[in-house]
Structures are given as structure tokens and as C-alpha cells.
Amino acid sequence: MPHTVRIWDLPTRLFHWSLAASTIGMIVTAKIGGNAMIWHLRLGHVVLALLLFRVVWGLVGGRWSRFRSFLYSPRQLLDYLRGRGRPEHGAGHSPLGALSVFAMLAVLFAQVGTGLFSDDAIFFAGPLSSKVSGDVVDAATRWHAELGQYLLLALLGLHLLAIAWYTLARRRPLVRAMVTGDHELPEPLPAAVDGKRQRLLALAIALACAALSWGIGRLGNS
């Protein structure tokens, strides 16, 4: 008999879909260029705030959203690849899914961070580009416009392929779970706390992270 378990708390779900929409918007505005770069900058600050939130939420959020729930050793990864997975691998992030999450967070942090110091000398100058040397600006601009962009697109493509494979081949409705928060599991597992107190805490953290992202942008005007 399947057991319905709350895996993804509401703050994690809102983070996930907000990050997806903002990242797509960032990519589209960068491709359009021109006046759209104003929105590229704004969305960059949104993504920065979301990433900061996820770092904090990875420490204090619901059980399955905490980093410690999907920090796997190389041995655990090998066991998973050999078909010796554990029940919790079908609930939250599997060892492969965890690698994807950490890689995506790292690349997005690098992309947003270098964007703050980038300057294409035509349409866009990051808010902190005037605070560092020309060599730093050049290096940040190259990463942001070239390697970082390609890494991000590659990770997004792999992420979509993985979702399709798990949904169609493994019959695991990952998208539905990230909408409703619940997984149907073959055995009971601890559920994520997802009450009013948890959501108010998430709201306070989100506002603090938004303020910090806004403050970083304002440093360029000081």
C-alpha cells in the first residue's frame, strides 16, 4: 500500500519554480540584449536573493530540503549506480539528483557573481564593475558571457532530460511532487515539517535575502 508523504515544503516549492522562471528570464533577456538588459540585471538580483535563500533554507528548512539529507559519500553514489539504492533515494534527492542540485547552485552562483562585475562596454555594466580592476572585469565578463553561460545551458538540458527519464521510464512524477509537495512512497518515511511557523520563518529569510541582494546592487552607487 503506498504512503503519501510530504517531501517538499511550500518554501522549497516556491523557490524551485521562482528560480526556474527567473533563470529562463535571465537567459532570454541576455539573448535579446539592448534595453532587455535592464531586466537581465533585475532578474540577476532576484536569482541572487533566491540562491542566498536556498543556502539558508538548506540548513533550517524541511527535512528533505536540508543539505544534510542529500549529502552522499562516493560509496553511496556507487551503490546507487549499481542498483543498491535506499528507500530515501526515492523520496528526496537521489545521489545523482544531489550532484545535479549542487552543480546547478554552484554554476548559478558563479554566473550571478560574475555578472555583478561584468561589463560588455555596450549594453551592460554590472553594479560592482567599477569597484575592481579592468583585469577582473575582463575575466568576469568572459566567464559570464562564454563558459558560464554554456555550463548553465548544459545543466538545464541535463536537468530536463533527467526529469523526462524519471517520469517516463521510472514512473516517478517528479514535477507533480514539486507542485503538491507530496510523494507516493512504498513505505513510510519522515515527512517534512510544513506548517505556518515554518512558512513564516521562510518569509523572514526570503525578505532578508532580498534586502541583501538589493544592498549589493546599491554598492555600485556608493
C-alpha atoms as a PDB file:
ATOM      1  CA  MET A   1       0.000   0.000   0.000  1.00  0.00           C
ATOM      2  CA  PRO A   2       1.543   3.371  -0.989  1.00  0.00           C
ATOM      3  CA  HIS A   3       2.131   6.030   1.623  1.00  0.00           C
ATOM      4  CA  THR A   4       1.631   9.729   0.902  1.00  0.00           C
ATOM      5  CA  VAL A   5       4.480  11.692   2.476  1.00  0.00           C
ATOM      6  CA  ARG A   6       5.098  15.450   2.443  1.00  0.00           C
ATOM      7  CA  ILE A   7       8.579  15.755   0.980  1.00  0.00           C
ATOM      8  CA  TRP A   8       8.852  19.294  -0.358  1.00  0.00           C
ATOM      9  CA  ASP A   9       7.680  22.074   1.937  1.00  0.00           C
ATOM     10  CA  LEU A  10       5.963  25.097   0.403  1.00  0.00           C
ATOM     11  CA  PRO A  11       9.019  27.422   0.651  1.00  0.00           C
ATOM     12  CA  THR A  12      11.134  24.887  -1.262  1.00  0.00           C
ATOM     13  CA  ARG A  13       8.491  24.554  -3.965  1.00  0.00           C
ATOM     14  CA  LEU A  14       8.140  28.321  -4.338  1.00  0.00           C
ATOM     15  CA  PHE A  15      11.918  28.630  -4.501  1.00  0.00           C
ATOM     16  CA  HIS A  16      12.162  25.961  -7.188  1.00  0.00           C
ATOM     17  CA  TRP A  17       9.581  27.456  -9.541  1.00  0.00           C
ATOM     18  CA  SER A  18      10.730  31.038  -8.908  1.00  0.00           C
ATOM     19  CA  LEU A  19      14.312  30.076  -9.691  1.00  0.00           C
ATOM     20  CA  ALA A  20      13.255  28.241 -12.857  1.00  0.00           C
ATOM     21  CA  ALA A  21      11.229  31.210 -14.114  1.00  0.00           C
ATOM     22  CA  SER A  22      13.896  33.778 -13.202  1.00  0.00           C
ATOM     23  CA  THR A  23      16.709  31.757 -14.781  1.00  0.00           C
ATOM     24  CA  ILE A  24      14.787  31.343 -18.022  1.00  0.00           C
ATOM     25  CA  GLY A  25      14.020  35.066 -17.979  1.00  0.00           C
ATOM     26  CA  MET A  26      17.691  35.853 -17.411  1.00  0.00           C
ATOM     27  CA  ILE A  27      18.714  33.725 -20.385  1.00  0.00           C
ATOM     28  CA  VAL A  28      16.051  35.191 -22.679  1.00  0.00           C
ATOM     29  CA  THR A  29      16.842  38.817 -21.797  1.00  0.00           C
ATOM     30  CA  ALA A  30      20.565  38.175 -22.335  1.00  0.00           C
ATOM     31  CA  LYS A  31      19.828  36.809 -25.810  1.00  0.00           C
ATOM     32  CA  ILE A  32      17.602  39.778 -26.668  1.00  0.00           C
ATOM     33  CA  GLY A  33      20.138  42.331 -25.427  1.00  0.00           C
ATOM     34  CA  GLY A  34      19.598  46.073 -25.779  1.00  0.00           C
ATOM     35  CA  ASN A  35      17.015  47.508 -23.392  1.00  0.00           C
ATOM     36  CA  ALA A  36      16.184  43.989 -22.183  1.00  0.00           C
ATOM     37  CA  MET A  37      19.481  44.024 -20.286  1.00  0.00           C
ATOM     38  CA  ILE A  38      17.813  46.195 -17.652  1.00  0.00           C
ATOM     39  CA  TRP A  39      15.573  43.227 -16.884  1.00  0.00           C
ATOM     40  CA  HIS A  40      18.547  40.887 -17.127  1.00  0.00           C
ATOM     41  CA  LEU A  41      20.153  42.819 -14.277  1.00  0.00           C
ATOM     42  CA  ARG A  42      16.957  42.856 -12.225  1.00  0.00           C
ATOM     43  CA  LEU A  43      16.423  39.138 -12.694  1.00  0.00           C
ATOM     44  CA  GLY A  44      20.043  38.572 -11.722  1.00  0.00           C
ATOM     45  CA  HIS A  45      19.333  40.182  -8.369  1.00  0.00           C
ATOM     46  CA  VAL A  46      16.220  38.039  -7.982  1.00  0.00           C
ATOM     47  CA  VAL A  47      18.269  34.908  -8.666  1.00  0.00           C
ATOM     48  CA  LEU A  48      20.938  36.042  -6.197  1.00  0.00           C
ATOM     49  CA  ALA A  49      18.291  36.508  -3.495  1.00  0.00           C
ATOM     50  CA  LEU A  50      16.830  33.078  -4.278  1.00  0.00           C
ATOM     51  CA  LEU A  51      20.238  31.406  -4.100  1.00  0.00           C
ATOM     52  CA  LEU A  52      21.011  33.055  -0.766  1.00  0.00           C
ATOM     53  CA  PHE A  53      17.634  31.876   0.498  1.00  0.00           C
ATOM     54  CA  ARG A  54      18.340  28.306  -0.635  1.00  0.00           C
ATOM     55  CA  VAL A  55      21.654  28.246   1.215  1.00  0.00           C
ATOM     56  CA  VAL A  56      19.971  29.270   4.471  1.00  0.00           C
ATOM     57  CA  TRP A  57      16.971  27.031   3.839  1.00  0.00           C
ATOM     58  CA  GLY A  58      19.348  24.154   3.227  1.00  0.00           C
ATOM     59  CA  LEU A  59      20.317  24.496   6.881  1.00  0.00           C
ATOM     60  CA  VAL A  60      16.972  25.192   8.578  1.00  0.00           C
ATOM     61  CA  GLY A  61      14.280  24.099   6.095  1.00  0.00           C
ATOM     62  CA  GLY A  62      12.138  20.976   5.917  1.00  0.00           C
ATOM     63  CA  ARG A  63      13.803  17.608   6.404  1.00  0.00           C
ATOM     64  CA  TRP A  64      14.205  16.747   2.725  1.00  0.00           C
ATOM     65  CA  SER A  65      15.285  20.275   1.768  1.00  0.00           C
ATOM     66  CA  ARG A  66      18.233  20.325   4.148  1.00  0.00           C
ATOM     67  CA  PHE A  67      21.610  19.699   2.571  1.00  0.00           C
ATOM     68  CA  ARG A  68      22.434  17.024   5.121  1.00  0.00           C
ATOM     69  CA  SER A  69      19.587  14.892   3.748  1.00  0.00           C
ATOM     70  CA  PHE A  70      21.275  14.616   0.358  1.00  0.00           C
ATOM     71  CA  LEU A  71      24.982  14.789   1.127  1.00  0.00           C
ATOM     72  CA  TYR A  72      26.133  11.392  -0.123  1.00  0.00           C
ATOM     73  CA  SER A  73      29.531   9.747   0.045  1.00  0.00           C
ATOM     74  CA  PRO A  74      31.232   8.362  -3.085  1.00  0.00           C
ATOM     75  CA  ARG A  75      30.402   4.856  -1.797  1.00  0.00           C
ATOM     76  CA  GLN A  76      26.693   5.705  -1.556  1.00  0.00           C
ATOM     77  CA  LEU A  77      26.779   7.094  -5.083  1.00  0.00           C
ATOM     78  CA  LEU A  78      28.409   3.912  -6.407  1.00  0.00           C
ATOM     79  CA  ASP A  79      25.876   1.735  -4.586  1.00  0.00           C
ATOM     80  CA  TYR A  80      23.059   3.763  -6.125  1.00  0.00           C
ATOM     81  CA  LEU A  81      24.522   3.422  -9.612  1.00  0.00           C
ATOM     82  CA  ARG A  82      24.816  -0.341  -9.068  1.00  0.00           C
ATOM     83  CA  GLY A  83      21.126  -0.575  -8.233  1.00  0.00           C
ATOM     84  CA  ARG A  84      21.527  -0.801  -4.473  1.00  0.00           C
ATOM     85  CA  GLY A  85      19.649   2.360  -3.604  1.00  0.00           C
ATOM     86  CA  ARG A  86      17.945   3.101  -0.290  1.00  0.00           C
ATOM     87  CA  PRO A  87      14.259   3.942   0.271  1.00  0.00           C
ATOM     88  CA  GLU A  88      15.059   7.606   0.938  1.00  0.00           C
ATOM     89  CA  HIS A  89      16.620   7.902  -2.527  1.00  0.00           C
ATOM     90  CA  GLY A  90      13.124   7.687  -3.978  1.00  0.00           C
ATOM     91  CA  ALA A  91      11.803  10.397  -1.679  1.00  0.00           C
ATOM     92  CA  GLY A  92      14.066  13.441  -1.812  1.00  0.00           C
ATOM     93  CA  HIS A  93      17.124  13.900  -3.983  1.00  0.00           C
ATOM     94  CA  SER A  94      18.851  10.724  -5.126  1.00  0.00           C
ATOM     95  CA  PRO A  95      22.682  10.683  -5.169  1.00  0.00           C
ATOM     96  CA  LEU A  96      22.634  11.647  -8.862  1.00  0.00           C
ATOM     97  CA  GLY A  97      19.973  14.268  -8.245  1.00  0.00           C
ATOM     98  CA  ALA A  98      22.051  15.697  -5.398  1.00  0.00           C
ATOM     99  CA  LEU A  99      25.025  16.139  -7.715  1.00  0.00           C
ATOM    100  CA  SER A 100      22.765  17.971 -10.134  1.00  0.00           C
ATOM    101  CA  VAL A 101      21.443  20.272  -7.408  1.00  0.00           C
ATOM    102  CA  PHE A 102      24.879  21.217  -6.097  1.00  0.00           C
ATOM    103  CA  ALA A 103      26.238  21.711  -9.618  1.00  0.00           C
ATOM    104  CA  MET A 104      23.300  23.933 -10.561  1.00  0.00           C
ATOM    105  CA  LEU A 105      23.635  26.049  -7.415  1.00  0.00           C
ATOM    106  CA  ALA A 106      27.388  26.430  -7.932  1.00  0.00           C
ATOM    107  CA  VAL A 107      27.081  27.441 -11.594  1.00  0.00           C
ATOM    108  CA  LEU A 108      24.250  29.878 -10.866  1.00  0.00           C
ATOM    109  CA  PHE A 109      26.240  31.462  -8.041  1.00  0.00           C
ATOM    110  CA  ALA A 110      29.222  31.802 -10.386  1.00  0.00           C
ATOM    111  CA  GLN A 111      27.048  33.220 -13.146  1.00  0.00           C
ATOM    112  CA  VAL A 112      25.327  35.773 -10.933  1.00  0.00           C
ATOM    113  CA  GLY A 113      28.553  36.621  -9.127  1.00  0.00           C
ATOM    114  CA  THR A 114      30.492  37.273 -12.331  1.00  0.00           C
ATOM    115  CA  GLY A 115      27.538  39.246 -13.665  1.00  0.00           C
ATOM    116  CA  LEU A 116      27.986  41.731 -10.834  1.00  0.00           C
ATOM    117  CA  PHE A 117      31.488  42.517 -12.125  1.00  0.00           C
ATOM    118  CA  SER A 118      30.867  42.199 -15.886  1.00  0.00           C
ATOM    119  CA  ASP A 119      30.936  44.987 -18.455  1.00  0.00           C
ATOM    120  CA  ASP A 120      30.352  44.384 -22.166  1.00  0.00           C
ATOM    121  CA  ALA A 121      31.106  48.060 -22.928  1.00  0.00           C
ATOM    122  CA  ILE A 122      27.880  48.316 -24.953  1.00  0.00           C
ATOM    123  CA  PHE A 123      24.614  47.485 -23.193  1.00  0.00           C
ATOM    124  CA  PHE A 124      25.520  46.227 -19.750  1.00  0.00           C
ATOM    125  CA  ALA A 125      27.733  47.022 -16.786  1.00  0.00           C
ATOM    126  CA  GLY A 126      27.416  45.087 -13.553  1.00  0.00           C
ATOM    127  CA  PRO A 127      26.818  47.179 -10.436  1.00  0.00           C
ATOM    128  CA  LEU A 128      30.240  46.281  -8.979  1.00  0.00           C
ATOM    129  CA  SER A 129      32.282  46.539 -12.178  1.00  0.00           C
ATOM    130  CA  SER A 130      33.564  49.972 -11.199  1.00  0.00           C
ATOM    131  CA  LYS A 131      34.904  48.642  -7.896  1.00  0.00           C
ATOM    132  CA  VAL A 132      37.532  46.265  -9.328  1.00  0.00           C
ATOM    133  CA  SER A 133      40.383  46.329 -11.810  1.00  0.00           C
ATOM    134  CA  GLY A 134      39.981  46.021 -15.557  1.00  0.00           C
ATOM    135  CA  ASP A 135      41.561  42.554 -15.480  1.00  0.00           C
ATOM    136  CA  VAL A 136      38.940  41.333 -13.014  1.00  0.00           C
ATOM    137  CA  VAL A 137      36.175  42.840 -15.129  1.00  0.00           C
ATOM    138  CA  ASP A 138      37.548  41.179 -18.279  1.00  0.00           C
ATOM    139  CA  ALA A 139      37.816  37.778 -16.583  1.00  0.00           C
ATOM    140  CA  ALA A 140      34.323  38.051 -15.095  1.00  0.00           C
ATOM    141  CA  THR A 141      32.849  39.151 -18.427  1.00  0.00           C
ATOM    142  CA  ARG A 142      34.455  36.248 -20.300  1.00  0.00           C
ATOM    143  CA  TRP A 143      33.154  33.705 -17.830  1.00  0.00           C
ATOM    144  CA  HIS A 144      29.687  35.244 -17.687  1.00  0.00           C
ATOM    145  CA  ALA A 145      29.239  35.503 -21.448  1.00  0.00           C
ATOM    146  CA  GLU A 146      31.023  32.321 -22.510  1.00  0.00           C
ATOM    147  CA  LEU A 147      31.891  29.307 -20.347  1.00  0.00           C
ATOM    148  CA  GLY A 148      29.462  30.073 -17.540  1.00  0.00           C
ATOM    149  CA  GLN A 149      26.591  30.534 -19.966  1.00  0.00           C
ATOM    150  CA  TYR A 150      27.326  27.238 -21.737  1.00  0.00           C
ATOM    151  CA  LEU A 151      27.676  25.344 -18.464  1.00  0.00           C
ATOM    152  CA  LEU A 152      24.330  26.687 -17.286  1.00  0.00           C
ATOM    153  CA  LEU A 153      22.583  25.740 -20.530  1.00  0.00           C
ATOM    154  CA  ALA A 154      24.137  22.256 -20.409  1.00  0.00           C
ATOM    155  CA  LEU A 155      22.987  21.701 -16.820  1.00  0.00           C
ATOM    156  CA  LEU A 156      19.478  22.896 -17.645  1.00  0.00           C
ATOM    157  CA  GLY A 157      19.353  20.495 -20.586  1.00  0.00           C
ATOM    158  CA  LEU A 158      20.540  17.571 -18.438  1.00  0.00           C
ATOM    159  CA  HIS A 159      18.027  18.513 -15.749  1.00  0.00           C
ATOM    160  CA  LEU A 160      15.129  18.399 -18.229  1.00  0.00           C
ATOM    161  CA  LEU A 161      16.335  15.086 -19.694  1.00  0.00           C
ATOM    162  CA  ALA A 162      16.591  13.580 -16.203  1.00  0.00           C
ATOM    163  CA  ILE A 163      13.063  14.684 -15.356  1.00  0.00           C
ATOM    164  CA  ALA A 164      11.759  13.181 -18.585  1.00  0.00           C
ATOM    165  CA  TRP A 165      13.594   9.898 -17.943  1.00  0.00           C
ATOM    166  CA  TYR A 166      12.406   9.548 -14.354  1.00  0.00           C
ATOM    167  CA  THR A 167       8.849  10.459 -15.345  1.00  0.00           C
ATOM    168  CA  LEU A 168       8.551   8.232 -18.419  1.00  0.00           C
ATOM    169  CA  ALA A 169      10.927   5.348 -17.697  1.00  0.00           C
ATOM    170  CA  ARG A 170      10.866   5.139 -13.896  1.00  0.00           C
ATOM    171  CA  ARG A 171       7.249   6.307 -13.449  1.00  0.00           C
ATOM    172  CA  ARG A 172       8.236   8.829 -10.808  1.00  0.00           C
ATOM    173  CA  PRO A 173       6.117  12.010 -11.122  1.00  0.00           C
ATOM    174  CA  LEU A 174       8.811  14.463 -10.065  1.00  0.00           C
ATOM    175  CA  VAL A 175       7.038  17.519 -11.454  1.00  0.00           C
ATOM    176  CA  ARG A 176       3.788  16.708  -9.661  1.00  0.00           C
ATOM    177  CA  ALA A 177       5.669  16.206  -6.401  1.00  0.00           C
ATOM    178  CA  MET A 178       7.282  19.635  -6.747  1.00  0.00           C
ATOM    179  CA  VAL A 179       3.813  21.120  -7.260  1.00  0.00           C
ATOM    180  CA  THR A 180       1.906  19.342  -4.490  1.00  0.00           C
ATOM    181  CA  GLY A 181       4.859  18.644  -2.193  1.00  0.00           C
ATOM    182  CA  ASP A 182       3.843  15.001  -1.725  1.00  0.00           C
ATOM    183  CA  HIS A 183       5.363  11.724  -2.904  1.00  0.00           C
ATOM    184  CA  GLU A 184       3.659   8.339  -3.064  1.00  0.00           C
ATOM    185  CA  LEU A 185       6.198   6.006  -1.438  1.00  0.00           C
ATOM    186  CA  PRO A 186       6.184   2.227  -0.965  1.00  0.00           C
ATOM    187  CA  GLU A 187       6.977   2.624   2.732  1.00  0.00           C
ATOM    188  CA  PRO A 188       6.520   5.401   5.295  1.00  0.00           C
ATOM    189  CA  LEU A 189       9.335   7.889   5.755  1.00  0.00           C
ATOM    190  CA  PRO A 190       9.606  11.009   7.951  1.00  0.00           C
ATOM    191  CA  ALA A 191       7.665  13.918   6.479  1.00  0.00           C
ATOM    192  CA  ALA A 192       8.952  17.457   6.089  1.00  0.00           C
ATOM    193  CA  VAL A 193       7.601  19.998   8.552  1.00  0.00           C
ATOM    194  CA  ASP A 194       5.486  22.404   6.525  1.00  0.00           C
ATOM    195  CA  GLY A 195       3.358  24.415   8.934  1.00  0.00           C
ATOM    196  CA  LYS A 196       2.630  28.082   9.479  1.00  0.00           C
ATOM    197  CA  ARG A 197       5.667  28.655  11.705  1.00  0.00           C
ATOM    198  CA  GLN A 198       7.966  27.129   9.085  1.00  0.00           C
ATOM    199  CA  ARG A 199       6.477  29.290   6.353  1.00  0.00           C
ATOM    200  CA  LEU A 200       6.768  32.489   8.395  1.00  0.00           C
ATOM    201  CA  LEU A 201      10.415  31.662   9.045  1.00  0.00           C
ATOM    202  CA  ALA A 202      10.929  31.169   5.307  1.00  0.00           C
ATOM    203  CA  LEU A 203       9.273  34.518   4.579  1.00  0.00           C
ATOM    204  CA  ALA A 204      11.573  36.311   7.044  1.00  0.00           C
ATOM    205  CA  ILE A 205      14.631  34.636   5.492  1.00  0.00           C
ATOM    206  CA  ALA A 206      13.453  35.481   1.969  1.00  0.00           C
ATOM    207  CA  LEU A 207      12.963  39.164   2.862  1.00  0.00           C
ATOM    208  CA  ALA A 208      16.417  39.324   4.452  1.00  0.00           C
ATOM    209  CA  CYS A 209      17.993  37.724   1.378  1.00  0.00           C
ATOM    210  CA  ALA A 210      16.134  40.111  -0.932  1.00  0.00           C
ATOM    211  CA  ALA A 211      17.385  43.053   1.120  1.00  0.00           C
ATOM    212  CA  LEU A 212      20.945  41.727   0.958  1.00  0.00           C
ATOM    213  CA  SER A 213      20.762  41.267  -2.819  1.00  0.00           C
ATOM    214  CA  TRP A 214      19.360  44.784  -3.222  1.00  0.00           C
ATOM    215  CA  GLY A 215      22.084  46.149  -0.948  1.00  0.00           C
ATOM    216  CA  ILE A 216      24.809  44.512  -3.051  1.00  0.00           C
ATOM    217  CA  GLY A 217      23.381  46.214  -6.104  1.00  0.00           C
ATOM    218  CA  ARG A 218      23.395  49.545  -4.327  1.00  0.00           C
ATOM    219  CA  LEU A 219      27.118  49.242  -3.578  1.00  0.00           C
ATOM    220  CA  GLY A 220      27.785  50.256  -7.156  1.00  0.00           C
ATOM    221  CA  ASN A 221      26.231  53.654  -6.478  1.00  0.00           C
ATOM    222  CA  SER A 222      28.264  54.344  -3.357  1.00  0.00           C
END
